[in-house]
PDB file of N, CA and C in Angstrom:
ATOM      1  N   MET A   1       5.622  -8.467  12.767  1.00  0.00           N
ATOM      2  CA  MET A   1       5.505  -6.909  12.213  1.00  0.00           C
ATOM      3  C   MET A   1       5.730  -6.084  13.487  1.00  0.00           C
ATOM      4  N   SER A   2       6.562  -5.037  13.431  1.00  0.00           N
ATOM      5  CA  SER A   2       6.798  -4.219  14.518  1.00  0.00           C
ATOM      6  C   SER A   2       5.588  -3.138  14.644  1.00  0.00           C
ATOM      7  N   GLN A   3       5.452  -2.514  15.727  1.00  0.00           N
ATOM      8  CA  GLN A   3       4.352  -1.480  15.902  1.00  0.00           C
ATOM      9  C   GLN A   3       4.616  -0.528  14.929  1.00  0.00           C
ATOM     10  N   GLU A   4       5.819  -0.033  14.500  1.00  0.00           N
ATOM     11  CA  GLU A   4       6.079   1.027  13.547  1.00  0.00           C
ATOM     12  C   GLU A   4       5.553   0.606  12.126  1.00  0.00           C
ATOM     13  N   GLU A   5       5.936  -0.637  11.878  1.00  0.00           N
ATOM     14  CA  GLU A   5       5.517  -1.194  10.575  1.00  0.00           C
ATOM     15  C   GLU A   5       3.947  -1.251  10.490  1.00  0.00           C
ATOM     16  N   PHE A   6       3.302  -1.696  11.616  1.00  0.00           N
ATOM     17  CA  PHE A   6       1.840  -1.905  11.627  1.00  0.00           C
ATOM     18  C   PHE A   6       1.148  -0.441  11.408  1.00  0.00           C
ATOM     19  N   GLU A   7       1.729   0.528  12.211  1.00  0.00           N
ATOM     20  CA  GLU A   7       1.076   1.864  12.018  1.00  0.00           C
ATOM     21  C   GLU A   7       1.439   2.423  10.550  1.00  0.00           C
ATOM     22  N   THR A   8       2.400   2.143  10.060  1.00  0.00           N
ATOM     23  CA  THR A   8       2.741   2.584   8.678  1.00  0.00           C
ATOM     24  C   THR A   8       1.859   2.037   7.625  1.00  0.00           C
ATOM     25  N   THR A   9       1.628   0.583   7.942  1.00  0.00           N
ATOM     26  CA  THR A   9       0.605   0.035   7.024  1.00  0.00           C
ATOM     27  C   THR A   9      -0.745   0.407   7.087  1.00  0.00           C
ATOM     28  N   GLN A  10      -1.224   0.715   8.332  1.00  0.00           N
ATOM     29  CA  GLN A  10      -2.540   1.370   8.698  1.00  0.00           C
ATOM     30  C   GLN A  10      -2.681   2.671   7.947  1.00  0.00           C
ATOM     31  N   ALA A  11      -1.613   3.502   8.193  1.00  0.00           N
ATOM     32  CA  ALA A  11      -1.642   4.753   7.494  1.00  0.00           C
ATOM     33  C   ALA A  11      -1.832   4.752   5.914  1.00  0.00           C
ATOM     34  N   ILE A  12      -1.031   3.840   5.432  1.00  0.00           N
ATOM     35  CA  ILE A  12      -1.095   3.693   3.829  1.00  0.00           C
ATOM     36  C   ILE A  12      -2.508   3.045   3.500  1.00  0.00           C
ATOM     37  N   SER A  13      -3.014   2.216   4.188  1.00  0.00           N
ATOM     38  CA  SER A  13      -4.345   1.749   3.999  1.00  0.00           C
ATOM     39  C   SER A  13      -5.349   2.731   4.100  1.00  0.00           C
ATOM     40  N   THR A  14      -5.307   3.560   5.021  1.00  0.00           N
ATOM     41  CA  THR A  14      -6.146   4.723   5.231  1.00  0.00           C
ATOM     42  C   THR A  14      -6.225   5.690   4.076  1.00  0.00           C
ATOM     43  N   VAL A  15      -4.940   6.054   3.589  1.00  0.00           N
ATOM     44  CA  VAL A  15      -4.755   6.928   2.381  1.00  0.00           C
ATOM     45  C   VAL A  15      -5.247   6.329   1.182  1.00  0.00           C
ATOM     46  N   CYS A  16      -5.051   5.017   0.967  1.00  0.00           N
ATOM     47  CA  CYS A  16      -5.447   4.285  -0.203  1.00  0.00           C
ATOM     48  C   CYS A  16      -6.985   4.213  -0.330  1.00  0.00           C
ATOM     49  N   PHE A  17      -7.670   3.782   0.858  1.00  0.00           N
ATOM     50  CA  PHE A  17      -9.088   3.848   1.005  1.00  0.00           C
ATOM     51  C   PHE A  17      -9.744   5.188   0.634  1.00  0.00           C
ATOM     52  N   ASP A  18      -9.068   6.288   1.063  1.00  0.00           N
ATOM     53  CA  ASP A  18      -9.682   7.723   0.801  1.00  0.00           C
ATOM     54  C   ASP A  18      -9.547   8.009  -0.706  1.00  0.00           C
ATOM     55  N   LEU A  19      -8.383   7.482  -1.293  1.00  0.00           N
ATOM     56  CA  LEU A  19      -8.250   7.771  -2.759  1.00  0.00           C
ATOM     57  C   LEU A  19      -9.202   6.926  -3.468  1.00  0.00           C
ATOM     58  N   VAL A  20      -9.694   5.809  -3.065  1.00  0.00           N
ATOM     59  CA  VAL A  20     -10.745   4.991  -3.828  1.00  0.00           C
ATOM     60  C   VAL A  20     -12.096   5.697  -3.604  1.00  0.00           C
ATOM     61  N   ARG A  21     -12.188   6.197  -2.367  1.00  0.00           N
ATOM     62  CA  ARG A  21     -13.556   7.126  -2.163  1.00  0.00           C
ATOM     63  C   ARG A  21     -13.589   8.222  -3.095  1.00  0.00           C
ATOM     64  N   GLN A  22     -12.364   8.866  -3.391  1.00  0.00           N
ATOM     65  CA  GLN A  22     -12.421   9.919  -4.155  1.00  0.00           C
ATOM     66  C   GLN A  22     -12.426   9.596  -5.703  1.00  0.00           C
ATOM     67  N   GLY A  23     -12.546   8.269  -6.103  1.00  0.00           N
ATOM     68  CA  GLY A  23     -12.701   7.945  -7.463  1.00  0.00           C
ATOM     69  C   GLY A  23     -11.465   7.411  -8.090  1.00  0.00           C
ATOM     70  N   TYR A  24     -10.346   7.256  -7.464  1.00  0.00           N
ATOM     71  CA  TYR A  24      -9.137   6.661  -8.145  1.00  0.00           C
ATOM     72  C   TYR A  24      -9.416   5.195  -8.232  1.00  0.00           C
ATOM     73  N   SER A  25      -8.837   4.635  -9.266  1.00  0.00           N
ATOM     74  CA  SER A  25      -8.939   3.108  -9.550  1.00  0.00           C
ATOM     75  C   SER A  25      -7.861   2.468  -8.707  1.00  0.00           C
ATOM     76  N   LEU A  26      -7.916   1.190  -8.394  1.00  0.00           N
ATOM     77  CA  LEU A  26      -6.856   0.344  -7.791  1.00  0.00           C
ATOM     78  C   LEU A  26      -5.564   0.432  -8.726  1.00  0.00           C
ATOM     79  N   ASP A  27      -5.843   0.467  -9.973  1.00  0.00           N
ATOM     80  CA  ASP A  27      -4.638   0.442 -10.808  1.00  0.00           C
ATOM     81  C   ASP A  27      -3.936   1.759 -10.646  1.00  0.00           C
ATOM     82  N   GLU A  28      -4.633   2.816 -10.641  1.00  0.00           N
ATOM     83  CA  GLU A  28      -4.011   3.996 -10.339  1.00  0.00           C
ATOM     84  C   GLU A  28      -3.236   4.167  -9.095  1.00  0.00           C
ATOM     85  N   ILE A  29      -3.842   3.628  -8.039  1.00  0.00           N
ATOM     86  CA  ILE A  29      -3.274   3.668  -6.626  1.00  0.00           C
ATOM     87  C   ILE A  29      -1.923   2.721  -6.696  1.00  0.00           C
ATOM     88  N   LYS A  30      -2.092   1.506  -7.321  1.00  0.00           N
ATOM     89  CA  LYS A  30      -0.845   0.669  -7.494  1.00  0.00           C
ATOM     90  C   LYS A  30       0.151   1.315  -8.227  1.00  0.00           C
ATOM     91  N   SER A  31      -0.129   2.000  -9.148  1.00  0.00           N
ATOM     92  CA  SER A  31       0.923   2.704  -9.979  1.00  0.00           C
ATOM     93  C   SER A  31       1.599   3.844  -9.062  1.00  0.00           C
ATOM     94  N   GLY A  32       0.765   4.600  -8.388  1.00  0.00           N
ATOM     95  CA  GLY A  32       1.400   5.503  -7.539  1.00  0.00           C
ATOM     96  C   GLY A  32       2.284   4.908  -6.446  1.00  0.00           C
ATOM     97  N   LEU A  33       1.796   3.845  -5.830  1.00  0.00           N
ATOM     98  CA  LEU A  33       2.558   3.124  -4.732  1.00  0.00           C
ATOM     99  C   LEU A  33       3.747   2.715  -5.331  1.00  0.00           C
ATOM    100  N   GLY A  34       3.659   2.176  -6.567  1.00  0.00           N
ATOM    101  CA  GLY A  34       4.965   1.643  -7.347  1.00  0.00           C
ATOM    102  C   GLY A  34       6.016   2.797  -7.397  1.00  0.00           C
ATOM    103  N   ASN A  35       5.427   3.978  -7.848  1.00  0.00           N
ATOM    104  CA  ASN A  35       6.284   4.964  -8.099  1.00  0.00           C
ATOM    105  C   ASN A  35       7.112   5.361  -6.653  1.00  0.00           C
ATOM    106  N   VAL A  36       6.246   5.518  -5.749  1.00  0.00           N
ATOM    107  CA  VAL A  36       6.856   5.912  -4.406  1.00  0.00           C
ATOM    108  C   VAL A  36       7.725   4.786  -3.917  1.00  0.00           C
ATOM    109  N   MET A  37       7.527   3.573  -4.053  1.00  0.00           N
ATOM    110  CA  MET A  37       8.492   2.701  -3.627  1.00  0.00           C
ATOM    111  C   MET A  37       9.741   2.581  -4.422  1.00  0.00           C
ATOM    112  N   SER A  38       9.687   2.958  -5.698  1.00  0.00           N
ATOM    113  CA  SER A  38      10.881   3.046  -6.493  1.00  0.00           C
ATOM    114  C   SER A  38      11.794   4.161  -6.164  1.00  0.00           C
ATOM    115  N   VAL A  39      11.134   5.265  -5.629  1.00  0.00           N
ATOM    116  CA  VAL A  39      11.942   6.399  -5.208  1.00  0.00           C
ATOM    117  C   VAL A  39      12.523   6.112  -3.779  1.00  0.00           C
ATOM    118  N   VAL A  40      11.794   5.453  -2.968  1.00  0.00           N
ATOM    119  CA  VAL A  40      12.343   5.125  -1.740  1.00  0.00           C
ATOM    120  C   VAL A  40      13.474   4.217  -1.845  1.00  0.00           C
ATOM    121  N   GLY A  41      13.321   3.289  -2.716  1.00  0.00           N
ATOM    122  CA  GLY A  41      14.173   2.297  -2.864  1.00  0.00           C
ATOM    123  C   GLY A  41      15.593   2.855  -3.410  1.00  0.00           C
ATOM    124  N   ASN A  42      15.648   3.882  -4.045  1.00  0.00           N
ATOM    125  CA  ASN A  42      16.742   4.483  -4.580  1.00  0.00           C
ATOM    126  C   ASN A  42      17.553   5.492  -3.647  1.00  0.00           C
ATOM    127  N   ASP A  43      16.975   5.528  -2.403  1.00  0.00           N
ATOM    128  CA  ASP A  43      17.684   6.410  -1.458  1.00  0.00           C
ATOM    129  C   ASP A  43      18.811   5.634  -0.865  1.00  0.00           C
ATOM    130  N   ASN A  44      19.898   6.237  -0.998  1.00  0.00           N
ATOM    131  CA  ASN A  44      21.167   5.497  -0.400  1.00  0.00           C
ATOM    132  C   ASN A  44      21.118   5.348   1.112  1.00  0.00           C
ATOM    133  N   ASP A  45      20.330   6.080   1.800  1.00  0.00           N
ATOM    134  CA  ASP A  45      20.243   5.884   3.261  1.00  0.00           C
ATOM    135  C   ASP A  45      19.261   4.819   3.650  1.00  0.00           C
ATOM    136  N   SER A  46      18.394   4.200   2.772  1.00  0.00           N
ATOM    137  CA  SER A  46      17.422   3.311   3.013  1.00  0.00           C
ATOM    138  C   SER A  46      18.098   1.973   3.421  1.00  0.00           C
ATOM    139  N   LYS A  47      17.480   1.294   4.391  1.00  0.00           N
ATOM    140  CA  LYS A  47      17.998   0.005   4.605  1.00  0.00           C
ATOM    141  C   LYS A  47      17.647  -1.255   3.453  1.00  0.00           C
ATOM    142  N   LEU A  48      18.436  -2.162   3.336  1.00  0.00           N
ATOM    143  CA  LEU A  48      18.331  -3.195   2.427  1.00  0.00           C
ATOM    144  C   LEU A  48      17.116  -4.075   2.960  1.00  0.00           C
ATOM    145  N   VAL A  49      16.179  -4.414   2.089  1.00  0.00           N
ATOM    146  CA  VAL A  49      15.096  -5.315   2.447  1.00  0.00           C
ATOM    147  C   VAL A  49      15.023  -6.396   1.396  1.00  0.00           C
ATOM    148  N   ASP A  50      14.448  -7.512   1.652  1.00  0.00           N
ATOM    149  CA  ASP A  50      14.295  -8.650   0.833  1.00  0.00           C
ATOM    150  C   ASP A  50      13.083  -8.180  -0.151  1.00  0.00           C
ATOM    151  N   ALA A  51      13.354  -8.343  -1.361  1.00  0.00           N
ATOM    152  CA  ALA A  51      12.272  -7.891  -2.464  1.00  0.00           C
ATOM    153  C   ALA A  51      11.005  -8.862  -2.207  1.00  0.00           C
ATOM    154  N   GLN A  52      11.309 -10.211  -1.933  1.00  0.00           N
ATOM    155  CA  GLN A  52      10.047 -11.067  -1.753  1.00  0.00           C
ATOM    156  C   GLN A  52       9.277 -10.539  -0.700  1.00  0.00           C
ATOM    157  N   ASP A  53       9.869 -10.110   0.550  1.00  0.00           N
ATOM    158  CA  ASP A  53       9.154  -9.630   1.549  1.00  0.00           C
ATOM    159  C   ASP A  53       8.224  -8.242   1.266  1.00  0.00           C
ATOM    160  N   VAL A  54       8.919  -7.392   0.530  1.00  0.00           N
ATOM    161  CA  VAL A  54       8.202  -6.244   0.126  1.00  0.00           C
ATOM    162  C   VAL A  54       6.990  -6.643  -0.798  1.00  0.00           C
ATOM    163  N   LEU A  55       7.296  -7.522  -1.716  1.00  0.00           N
ATOM    164  CA  LEU A  55       6.226  -8.013  -2.603  1.00  0.00           C
ATOM    165  C   LEU A  55       5.037  -8.629  -1.888  1.00  0.00           C
ATOM    166  N   ALA A  56       5.436  -9.544  -0.975  1.00  0.00           N
ATOM    167  CA  ALA A  56       4.418 -10.224  -0.168  1.00  0.00           C
ATOM    168  C   ALA A  56       3.522  -9.157   0.656  1.00  0.00           C
ATOM    169  N   GLU A  57       4.134  -8.134   1.344  1.00  0.00           N
ATOM    170  CA  GLU A  57       3.475  -7.189   2.040  1.00  0.00           C
ATOM    171  C   GLU A  57       2.611  -6.289   1.056  1.00  0.00           C
ATOM    172  N   TYR A  58       3.167  -6.023   0.015  1.00  0.00           N
ATOM    173  CA  TYR A  58       2.454  -5.146  -0.905  1.00  0.00           C
ATOM    174  C   TYR A  58       1.129  -5.898  -1.443  1.00  0.00           C
ATOM    175  N   LYS A  59       1.260  -7.199  -1.726  1.00  0.00           N
ATOM    176  CA  LYS A  59       0.151  -7.867  -2.224  1.00  0.00           C
ATOM    177  C   LYS A  59      -0.946  -8.096  -1.092  1.00  0.00           C
ATOM    178  N   ARG A  60      -0.552  -8.257   0.135  1.00  0.00           N
ATOM    179  CA  ARG A  60      -1.492  -8.352   1.213  1.00  0.00           C
ATOM    180  C   ARG A  60      -2.063  -6.998   1.428  1.00  0.00           C
ATOM    181  N   ALA A  61      -1.362  -5.910   1.379  1.00  0.00           N
ATOM    182  CA  ALA A  61      -2.116  -4.735   1.479  1.00  0.00           C
ATOM    183  C   ALA A  61      -3.074  -4.337   0.463  1.00  0.00           C
ATOM    184  N   MET A  62      -2.631  -4.716  -0.753  1.00  0.00           N
ATOM    185  CA  MET A  62      -3.576  -4.551  -1.934  1.00  0.00           C
ATOM    186  C   MET A  62      -4.788  -5.466  -1.801  1.00  0.00           C
ATOM    187  N   LYS A  63      -4.687  -6.692  -1.322  1.00  0.00           N
ATOM    188  CA  LYS A  63      -5.926  -7.550  -1.095  1.00  0.00           C
ATOM    189  C   LYS A  63      -6.792  -6.915   0.122  1.00  0.00           C
ATOM    190  N   GLU A  64      -6.076  -6.439   1.068  1.00  0.00           N
ATOM    191  CA  GLU A  64      -6.854  -5.838   2.198  1.00  0.00           C
ATOM    192  C   GLU A  64      -7.716  -4.578   1.600  1.00  0.00           C
ATOM    193  N   LEU A  65      -6.954  -3.802   0.758  1.00  0.00           N
ATOM    194  CA  LEU A  65      -7.600  -2.605   0.201  1.00  0.00           C
ATOM    195  C   LEU A  65      -8.720  -3.019  -0.712  1.00  0.00           C
ATOM    196  N   SER A  66      -8.641  -3.979  -1.379  1.00  0.00           N
ATOM    197  CA  SER A  66      -9.653  -4.447  -2.338  1.00  0.00           C
ATOM    198  C   SER A  66     -10.872  -4.991  -1.540  1.00  0.00           C
ATOM    199  N   ASP A  67     -10.566  -5.760  -0.489  1.00  0.00           N
ATOM    200  CA  ASP A  67     -11.651  -6.352   0.353  1.00  0.00           C
ATOM    201  C   ASP A  67     -12.478  -5.161   0.972  1.00  0.00           C
ATOM    202  N   GLN A  68     -11.801  -4.076   1.273  1.00  0.00           N
ATOM    203  CA  GLN A  68     -12.404  -2.820   2.008  1.00  0.00           C
ATOM    204  C   GLN A  68     -13.361  -2.300   0.898  1.00  0.00           C
ATOM    205  N   VAL A  69     -12.818  -2.132  -0.356  1.00  0.00           N
ATOM    206  CA  VAL A  69     -13.616  -1.640  -1.325  1.00  0.00           C
ATOM    207  C   VAL A  69     -14.884  -2.421  -1.742  1.00  0.00           C
ATOM    208  N   VAL A  70     -14.759  -3.744  -1.580  1.00  0.00           N
ATOM    209  CA  VAL A  70     -15.874  -4.474  -1.974  1.00  0.00           C
ATOM    210  C   VAL A  70     -16.948  -4.377  -0.701  1.00  0.00           C
ATOM    211  N   PHE A  71     -16.441  -4.396   0.600  1.00  0.00           N
ATOM    212  CA  PHE A  71     -17.252  -4.281   1.692  1.00  0.00           C
ATOM    213  C   PHE A  71     -18.024  -2.914   1.530  1.00  0.00           C
ATOM    214  N   TYR A  72     -17.350  -1.839   1.365  1.00  0.00           N
ATOM    215  CA  TYR A  72     -18.177  -0.493   1.261  1.00  0.00           C
ATOM    216  C   TYR A  72     -18.988  -0.291   0.121  1.00  0.00           C
ATOM    217  N   ARG A  73     -18.474  -0.922  -0.929  1.00  0.00           N
ATOM    218  CA  ARG A  73     -19.396  -0.841  -2.208  1.00  0.00           C
ATOM    219  C   ARG A  73     -20.760  -1.503  -2.068  1.00  0.00           C
ATOM    220  N   ASP A  74     -20.618  -2.678  -1.273  1.00  0.00           N
ATOM    221  CA  ASP A  74     -21.817  -3.571  -1.126  1.00  0.00           C
ATOM    222  C   ASP A  74     -22.720  -3.026  -0.095  1.00  0.00           C
ATOM    223  N   LYS A  75     -22.398  -2.026   0.629  1.00  0.00           N
ATOM    224  CA  LYS A  75     -23.190  -1.548   1.667  1.00  0.00           C
ATOM    225  C   LYS A  75     -24.483  -0.720   1.152  1.00  0.00           C
TER     226      LYS A  75
END
């Protein structure tokens, strides 16, 4: 993962965690991320990516987010 990808992932995780703290459910956040990804994916200037790579990264990010929620909830 490049530095830019890492920083983007961190920014997304931070925003998602803030949304959880504001009371949004993981399903609502997942739906919102899906909407954003579908819009970005339709941009003619976007680079082509492997769908399995995107899905794997998305699942990893959602697992990380879920783990953070459990950690902070149990404090």
